[in-house]
Amino acid sequence: MSRDFIDVKDVYPGDPLGEAQAGIPTGRDVEWEPLVDYRRNGVSENTIHGAVAWFSGDQEVHSFGGNVLCYGRSMMKPFYIKAFSRELQDTTDWRQKAIAVSSHNGSAEHVEVAQSLLSESEWGLMQTPLDLPLVQFGRQVRRPRRWYNNSSGHHAALLKGCHLKGWNRAGYTLPSHRIFQEYSKVIARYLGAGFQPKRIARDGDGLPTVAMTVKDLARCYAGLAKRRDEDWIWEAMIRYPDLVGGFNRLDTTVMKSCGGQVIAKEGADGLLGLGIHHADYPEGLGVVIKIAHGWNPQATWYLARGILGVLGFELRNPYPLRRQKAFLVPGVVPATHLEKLRQIPTWDEWDPDIDRWYFDPNEMSW
């Protein structure tokens, strides 16, 4: 008897407590480590867990929090675009190149540059989900639009690249399309031909995202630093960092602060990738931060400040916490950098300690 219906077991998980799948560790199995804790008058109120990996070339430099399996998400946009680096080299300006690897805020400038990649008659081809700007100022009432989606510039560049290569643009978000096949070849250049993803899932913007470990991701970003001169991607990101992210975004602020020696890219659900050009790491340095509970730009900002600080780069603190102070866990950097980490405060001189009153509780009767 032929099946002419879809079994719900093929659509929904079978157990709300979760089922074990061979070779796929869950977040419960991972050796997450505390990375940052927020203390009020010395008592920890919130502890941010996660994992950090450092790679130089193909060699692990440091790992803390377990080799977590996750999806690369938008952190991997620079690698997707490498499939079209030649085609887009002379057919786009620097602003268009930067928006091609962006996860932007959806500002008017972001939308304008993203739209400029395609003719108006081609706009209907773009398949980003409907969305609103990530950062809005004042009271605004807007209808969701595809161009507001943080990946609109990336999608527009992929569509332009397909046109220049003569590829069919129908189904460009599917894993069966030539885009994903070429992206897979790019990943094989960085991780080796033997790399086999355990899962391929649909990302939030509709494109395929590949399961990688935090170490895999750090190795990829080390490769970005080592091969920074092979195409225009590194230069585009440091020329126009505001188009890569936007106002007060961590990746944008990192690139503005590091004098062209660091590229940074946020990824959904708690990812930050850093590709670092540094004299101590001639094979390139890649550092990836993964926050266990998902997107937390403030905690990730403290971590990035500490990591970049021990390497000689100065990144400002994020905006201060209310009546708490952030403290970094020593394991986020290799032991050789620990003394330097102690010299990088997670607060500023204008950010006083307002989480307590100045009295002696021992003078009270309880």
Protein backbone atom coordinates (compact mmCIF):
# COMPACT_ATOMS: atom_id res chain seq x y z
CA MET A 1 0.00 0.00 0.00
CA SER A 2 1.52 3.34 -1.04
CA ARG A 3 1.76 6.20 1.43
CA ASP A 4 -0.09 9.27 0.19
CA PHE A 5 0.22 11.17 3.45
CA ILE A 6 2.98 12.41 5.73
CA ASP A 7 3.35 10.64 9.05
CA VAL A 8 3.42 13.14 11.90
CA LYS A 9 6.44 11.27 13.28
CA ASP A 10 8.36 12.56 10.24
CA VAL A 11 7.37 16.16 11.03
CA TYR A 12 7.48 16.47 14.81
CA PRO A 13 9.95 15.14 17.39
CA GLY A 14 8.75 12.01 19.11
CA ASP A 15 9.52 12.96 22.70
CA PRO A 16 9.24 16.40 24.35
CA LEU A 17 12.17 15.45 26.58
CA GLY A 18 14.36 14.91 23.53
CA GLU A 19 15.64 11.78 21.88
CA ALA A 20 19.26 10.69 21.63
CA GLN A 21 20.66 10.64 18.11
CA ALA A 22 23.87 8.81 17.34
CA GLY A 23 26.79 11.19 16.87
CA ILE A 24 24.76 14.31 17.73
CA PRO A 25 25.52 15.55 21.25
CA THR A 26 22.83 17.75 22.76
CA GLY A 27 23.41 20.85 24.84
CA ARG A 28 22.96 18.65 27.90
CA ASP A 29 25.99 16.58 26.91
CA VAL A 30 28.33 19.50 26.29
CA GLU A 31 30.98 20.51 28.81
CA TRP A 32 29.93 24.16 28.86
CA GLU A 33 32.06 26.38 31.07
CA PRO A 34 31.23 29.68 32.79
CA LEU A 35 32.65 32.53 30.69
CA VAL A 36 31.29 35.65 32.40
CA ASP A 37 29.47 36.20 35.67
CA TYR A 38 27.56 39.28 36.74
CA ARG A 39 27.92 40.07 40.44
CA ARG A 40 25.97 42.39 42.69
CA ASN A 41 28.12 43.40 45.66
CA GLY A 42 30.25 40.30 45.17
CA VAL A 43 27.43 37.76 44.79
CA SER A 44 26.96 36.17 41.35
CA GLU A 45 23.44 36.77 40.06
CA ASN A 46 23.88 35.65 36.46
CA THR A 47 26.46 33.31 34.97
CA ILE A 48 26.96 33.15 31.22
CA HIS A 49 28.13 29.75 30.02
CA GLY A 50 29.63 28.90 26.67
CA ALA A 51 32.69 27.75 24.78
CA VAL A 52 35.73 29.45 23.25
CA ALA A 53 38.19 28.08 20.68
CA TRP A 54 41.46 29.53 19.39
CA PHE A 55 43.12 28.17 16.21
CA SER A 56 46.20 29.20 14.27
CA GLY A 57 46.40 27.63 10.85
CA ASP A 58 45.36 24.02 11.40
CA GLN A 59 46.64 23.92 14.97
CA GLU A 60 44.57 24.29 18.11
CA VAL A 61 45.91 27.05 20.36
CA HIS A 62 43.34 26.94 23.14
CA SER A 63 39.91 25.48 23.88
CA PHE A 64 37.58 26.12 26.79
CA GLY A 65 34.04 24.87 27.30
CA GLY A 66 34.10 21.78 25.11
CA ASN A 67 34.16 21.26 21.35
CA VAL A 68 30.51 22.15 20.92
CA LEU A 69 28.64 21.07 17.80
CA CYS A 70 26.54 23.94 16.48
CA TYR A 71 25.59 25.65 13.21
CA GLY A 72 27.82 28.34 11.74
CA ARG A 73 24.81 30.51 10.90
CA SER A 74 25.63 34.01 9.60
CA MET A 75 29.24 33.71 10.75
CA MET A 76 29.80 31.75 7.54
CA LYS A 77 28.60 34.43 5.10
CA PRO A 78 32.17 35.36 4.08
CA PHE A 79 32.66 31.74 3.01
CA TYR A 80 29.40 31.62 1.04
CA ILE A 81 30.43 34.73 -0.87
CA LYS A 82 33.81 33.22 -1.76
CA ALA A 83 31.92 31.13 -4.32
CA PHE A 84 31.39 34.37 -6.26
CA SER A 85 34.50 36.37 -5.32
CA ARG A 86 35.79 36.53 -8.90
CA GLU A 87 32.44 37.44 -10.45
CA LEU A 88 31.76 40.21 -7.93
CA GLN A 89 35.32 41.58 -7.97
CA ASP A 90 34.85 44.09 -10.82
CA THR A 91 31.05 44.28 -10.90
CA THR A 92 30.45 45.73 -7.42
CA ASP A 93 31.75 48.72 -5.48
CA TRP A 94 33.18 48.47 -1.96
CA ARG A 95 29.88 49.26 -0.26
CA GLN A 96 28.14 46.50 -2.23
CA LYS A 97 30.94 44.09 -1.39
CA ALA A 98 30.54 44.82 2.35
CA ILE A 99 26.77 44.40 2.33
CA ALA A 100 27.28 41.03 0.59
CA VAL A 101 28.68 39.51 3.82
CA SER A 102 26.48 41.45 6.22
CA SER A 103 23.92 40.70 8.89
CA HIS A 104 22.80 44.30 8.93
CA ASN A 105 20.40 46.27 11.11
CA GLY A 106 18.01 47.09 8.27
CA SER A 107 18.67 50.83 8.29
CA ALA A 108 17.87 53.02 5.28
CA GLU A 109 21.51 52.87 4.18
CA HIS A 110 21.61 49.08 4.48
CA VAL A 111 18.46 48.70 2.38
CA GLU A 112 19.68 51.17 -0.23
CA VAL A 113 23.01 49.39 -0.74
CA ALA A 114 21.40 45.92 -0.75
CA GLN A 115 18.86 46.98 -3.37
CA SER A 116 21.59 48.45 -5.57
CA LEU A 117 22.99 44.96 -6.20
CA LEU A 118 19.99 44.02 -8.33
CA SER A 119 17.82 45.76 -10.88
CA GLU A 120 14.34 46.56 -9.64
CA SER A 121 12.92 43.92 -11.95
CA GLU A 122 15.01 41.31 -10.09
CA TRP A 123 13.92 42.25 -6.58
CA GLY A 124 11.09 39.73 -6.63
CA LEU A 125 13.62 36.89 -6.88
CA MET A 126 14.93 37.50 -3.36
CA GLN A 127 13.58 35.01 -0.81
CA THR A 128 14.62 36.40 2.57
CA PRO A 129 11.86 36.12 5.18
CA LEU A 130 9.78 39.22 5.84
CA ASP A 131 11.28 41.20 8.70
CA LEU A 132 11.59 44.55 10.48
CA PRO A 133 14.74 46.60 11.11
CA LEU A 134 16.80 45.17 13.96
CA VAL A 135 17.38 48.57 15.56
CA GLN A 136 14.62 51.17 15.34
CA PHE A 137 14.71 54.67 16.79
CA GLY A 138 11.58 56.25 18.24
CA ARG A 139 8.05 55.05 17.67
CA GLN A 140 7.73 53.51 14.25
CA VAL A 141 5.02 51.56 12.54
CA ARG A 142 6.33 49.61 9.58
CA ARG A 143 5.25 46.67 7.54
CA PRO A 144 7.69 43.76 7.43
CA ARG A 145 9.70 43.69 4.21
CA ARG A 146 12.25 41.32 2.75
CA TRP A 147 14.79 44.14 2.46
CA TYR A 148 14.69 44.76 6.23
CA ASN A 149 15.87 41.20 6.83
CA ASN A 150 19.48 41.24 8.06
CA SER A 151 20.49 38.92 5.19
CA SER A 152 19.00 40.92 2.31
CA GLY A 153 22.38 42.17 1.11
CA HIS A 154 23.80 38.66 1.26
CA HIS A 155 20.90 37.20 -0.72
CA ALA A 156 21.06 39.99 -3.31
CA ALA A 157 24.79 39.33 -3.81
CA LEU A 158 24.17 35.59 -4.22
CA LEU A 159 21.52 36.30 -6.84
CA LYS A 160 23.85 38.69 -8.65
CA GLY A 161 26.62 36.09 -8.54
CA CYS A 162 24.32 33.44 -10.01
CA HIS A 163 23.39 35.77 -12.85
CA LEU A 164 27.04 36.48 -13.61
CA LYS A 165 27.86 32.76 -13.61
CA GLY A 166 24.87 31.97 -15.80
CA TRP A 167 23.25 29.77 -13.13
CA ASN A 168 19.52 29.32 -12.78
CA ARG A 169 18.38 31.44 -9.84
CA ALA A 170 15.24 29.43 -9.14
CA GLY A 171 15.62 27.49 -5.90
CA TYR A 172 18.80 29.33 -4.94
CA THR A 173 18.15 28.76 -1.23
CA LEU A 174 18.00 24.96 -1.55
CA PRO A 175 20.87 22.59 -0.69
CA SER A 176 20.51 21.10 -4.18
CA HIS A 177 21.44 24.42 -5.82
CA ARG A 178 24.89 25.18 -7.24
CA ILE A 179 25.42 27.85 -4.56
CA PHE A 180 25.49 25.30 -1.76
CA GLN A 181 27.61 22.91 -3.83
CA GLU A 182 30.22 25.63 -4.36
CA TYR A 183 30.02 26.68 -0.70
CA SER A 184 30.75 23.05 0.26
CA LYS A 185 33.90 23.16 -1.88
CA VAL A 186 35.00 26.33 -0.09
CA ILE A 187 34.56 24.65 3.29
CA ALA A 188 36.59 21.67 2.06
CA ARG A 189 39.48 24.08 1.32
CA TYR A 190 39.48 25.23 4.94
CA LEU A 191 38.63 22.01 6.80
CA GLY A 192 39.90 19.36 4.42
CA ALA A 193 38.18 17.21 1.83
CA GLY A 194 37.29 14.64 4.50
CA PHE A 195 35.00 17.02 6.38
CA GLN A 196 31.45 15.64 6.56
CA PRO A 197 28.74 17.66 8.35
CA LYS A 198 26.57 15.72 10.73
CA ARG A 199 23.56 17.86 9.86
CA ILE A 200 22.52 20.48 7.31
CA ALA A 201 19.59 22.64 8.41
CA ARG A 202 17.61 25.61 7.14
CA ASP A 203 19.02 28.85 8.54
CA GLY A 204 16.82 31.73 9.66
CA ASP A 205 17.27 33.43 6.30
CA GLY A 206 16.37 30.27 4.37
CA LEU A 207 19.84 29.23 3.22
CA PRO A 208 21.42 25.91 4.26
CA THR A 209 23.58 26.07 7.39
CA VAL A 210 26.09 23.32 8.19
CA ALA A 211 26.75 21.74 11.59
CA MET A 212 30.33 22.37 12.67
CA THR A 213 32.17 22.27 15.96
CA VAL A 214 33.44 25.45 17.60
CA LYS A 215 36.96 24.28 16.73
CA ASP A 216 35.97 23.84 13.06
CA LEU A 217 34.65 27.39 13.03
CA ALA A 218 37.81 28.77 14.67
CA ARG A 219 39.92 26.92 12.11
CA CYS A 220 37.89 28.51 9.31
CA TYR A 221 38.44 31.98 10.75
CA ALA A 222 42.16 31.33 11.13
CA GLY A 223 42.13 30.54 7.41
CA LEU A 224 40.36 33.83 6.69
CA ALA A 225 43.19 35.68 8.43
CA LYS A 226 45.92 33.67 6.70
CA ARG A 227 44.34 34.09 3.24
CA ARG A 228 43.11 37.64 3.73
CA ASP A 229 44.78 38.81 0.50
CA GLU A 230 43.34 36.14 -1.78
CA ASP A 231 40.19 38.16 -2.52
CA TRP A 232 38.35 41.37 -1.56
CA ILE A 233 36.34 40.08 1.41
CA TRP A 234 38.69 41.10 4.22
CA GLU A 235 39.24 44.58 2.78
CA ALA A 236 35.53 45.18 2.16
CA MET A 237 34.68 44.35 5.77
CA ILE A 238 37.28 46.69 7.24
CA ARG A 239 36.51 49.48 4.75
CA TYR A 240 32.80 49.54 5.55
CA PRO A 241 32.23 47.88 8.94
CA ASP A 242 29.00 49.84 9.47
CA LEU A 243 27.47 47.97 6.53
CA VAL A 244 28.49 44.56 7.93
CA GLY A 245 26.48 45.06 11.14
CA GLY A 246 25.44 48.56 12.05
CA PHE A 247 25.00 50.98 14.90
CA ASN A 248 26.43 49.64 18.17
CA ARG A 249 26.80 46.13 16.78
CA LEU A 250 29.70 44.17 18.25
CA ASP A 251 31.26 43.00 14.98
CA THR A 252 31.14 46.52 13.54
CA THR A 253 32.70 48.02 16.67
CA VAL A 254 35.49 45.42 16.75
CA MET A 255 36.48 46.15 13.17
CA LYS A 256 36.43 49.91 13.78
CA SER A 257 38.70 49.46 16.81
CA CYS A 258 41.40 47.18 15.45
CA GLY A 259 42.99 49.14 12.62
CA GLY A 260 42.27 46.69 9.82
CA GLN A 261 43.95 43.78 11.61
CA VAL A 262 40.76 42.01 12.71
CA ILE A 263 37.56 41.06 10.95
CA ALA A 264 34.57 40.10 13.08
CA LYS A 265 31.24 38.52 12.24
CA GLU A 266 28.34 37.75 14.52
CA GLY A 267 26.23 34.66 14.00
CA ALA A 268 22.76 33.97 15.34
CA ASP A 269 22.26 32.25 18.68
CA GLY A 270 25.41 33.33 20.41
CA LEU A 271 28.26 33.20 17.88
CA LEU A 272 31.13 35.60 17.25
CA GLY A 273 33.96 34.83 14.86
CA LEU A 274 37.24 36.78 14.91
CA GLY A 275 39.84 36.53 12.16
CA ILE A 276 43.02 38.13 13.51
CA HIS A 277 46.20 39.19 11.72
CA HIS A 278 48.90 39.14 14.41
CA ALA A 279 52.68 38.86 14.35
CA ASP A 280 52.65 36.09 16.96
CA TYR A 281 50.44 33.93 14.76
CA PRO A 282 51.86 33.93 11.20
CA GLU A 283 49.42 31.21 10.16
CA GLY A 284 46.50 33.48 11.07
CA LEU A 285 44.52 33.40 14.30
CA GLY A 286 40.86 32.44 14.49
CA VAL A 287 38.88 32.83 17.71
CA VAL A 288 35.24 31.80 18.04
CA ILE A 289 32.94 32.45 20.98
CA LYS A 290 29.71 30.48 21.42
CA ILE A 291 27.27 31.53 24.15
CA ALA A 292 25.32 28.54 25.45
CA HIS A 293 21.92 30.22 25.85
CA GLY A 294 22.05 32.14 22.56
CA TRP A 295 22.42 35.75 21.49
CA ASN A 296 23.96 37.88 24.24
CA PRO A 297 25.91 40.75 22.69
CA GLN A 298 26.81 42.35 26.03
CA ALA A 299 28.45 39.24 27.50
CA THR A 300 30.11 38.47 24.17
CA TRP A 301 31.39 42.05 24.08
CA TYR A 302 33.17 41.64 27.43
CA LEU A 303 34.74 38.42 26.16
CA ALA A 304 35.85 40.00 22.90
CA ARG A 305 37.35 42.95 24.81
CA GLY A 306 39.38 40.59 26.98
CA ILE A 307 40.52 38.33 24.13
CA LEU A 308 41.49 41.18 21.83
CA GLY A 309 43.03 43.08 24.74
CA VAL A 310 45.58 40.38 25.52
CA LEU A 311 46.61 40.52 21.85
CA GLY A 312 47.21 44.27 22.00
CA PHE A 313 43.93 45.57 20.55
CA GLU A 314 41.84 48.07 22.47
CA LEU A 315 38.07 47.60 22.38
CA ARG A 316 35.86 49.75 24.56
CA ASN A 317 33.56 48.24 27.15
CA PRO A 318 29.88 47.88 26.30
CA TYR A 319 27.38 50.12 28.00
CA PRO A 320 27.46 49.51 31.78
CA LEU A 321 25.27 47.07 33.61
CA ARG A 322 22.78 48.38 36.16
CA ARG A 323 24.03 47.72 39.68
CA GLN A 324 26.12 44.75 38.62
CA LYS A 325 29.68 44.19 37.46
CA ALA A 326 30.91 41.69 34.89
CA PHE A 327 33.87 39.41 35.61
CA LEU A 328 35.66 37.22 33.05
CA VAL A 329 36.61 33.62 33.74
CA PRO A 330 40.39 33.04 33.29
CA GLY A 331 39.93 30.12 30.89
CA VAL A 332 38.72 32.31 28.03
CA VAL A 333 42.37 32.97 27.09
CA PRO A 334 45.42 30.68 27.04
CA ALA A 335 47.32 30.57 30.32
CA THR A 336 50.21 32.52 28.78
CA HIS A 337 47.89 35.54 28.42
CA LEU A 338 46.32 35.40 31.87
CA GLU A 339 48.36 38.21 33.45
CA LYS A 340 47.48 40.51 30.56
CA LEU A 341 43.80 39.63 31.02
CA ARG A 342 43.99 40.75 34.66
CA GLN A 343 44.95 44.24 33.44
CA ILE A 344 41.79 44.73 31.35
CA PRO A 345 38.94 45.95 33.57
CA THR A 346 35.37 45.15 32.59
CA TRP A 347 34.22 48.52 33.91
CA ASP A 348 35.23 52.13 33.33
CA GLU A 349 36.36 54.90 35.64
CA TRP A 350 33.04 56.70 35.08
CA ASP A 351 31.13 53.50 35.93
CA PRO A 352 31.14 53.51 39.77
CA ASP A 353 30.13 50.65 42.00
CA ILE A 354 26.45 51.39 42.74
CA ASP A 355 25.38 47.88 43.67
CA ARG A 356 25.72 48.39 47.43
CA TRP A 357 25.35 50.83 50.31
CA TYR A 358 28.34 51.81 52.36
CA PHE A 359 27.49 50.56 55.83
CA ASP A 360 28.58 47.73 58.08
CA PRO A 361 25.82 45.14 58.41
CA ASN A 362 27.57 43.79 61.51
CA GLU A 363 26.48 46.94 63.31
CA MET A 364 22.84 45.96 62.87
CA SER A 365 20.93 43.61 65.08
CA TRP A 366 19.22 40.81 63.15
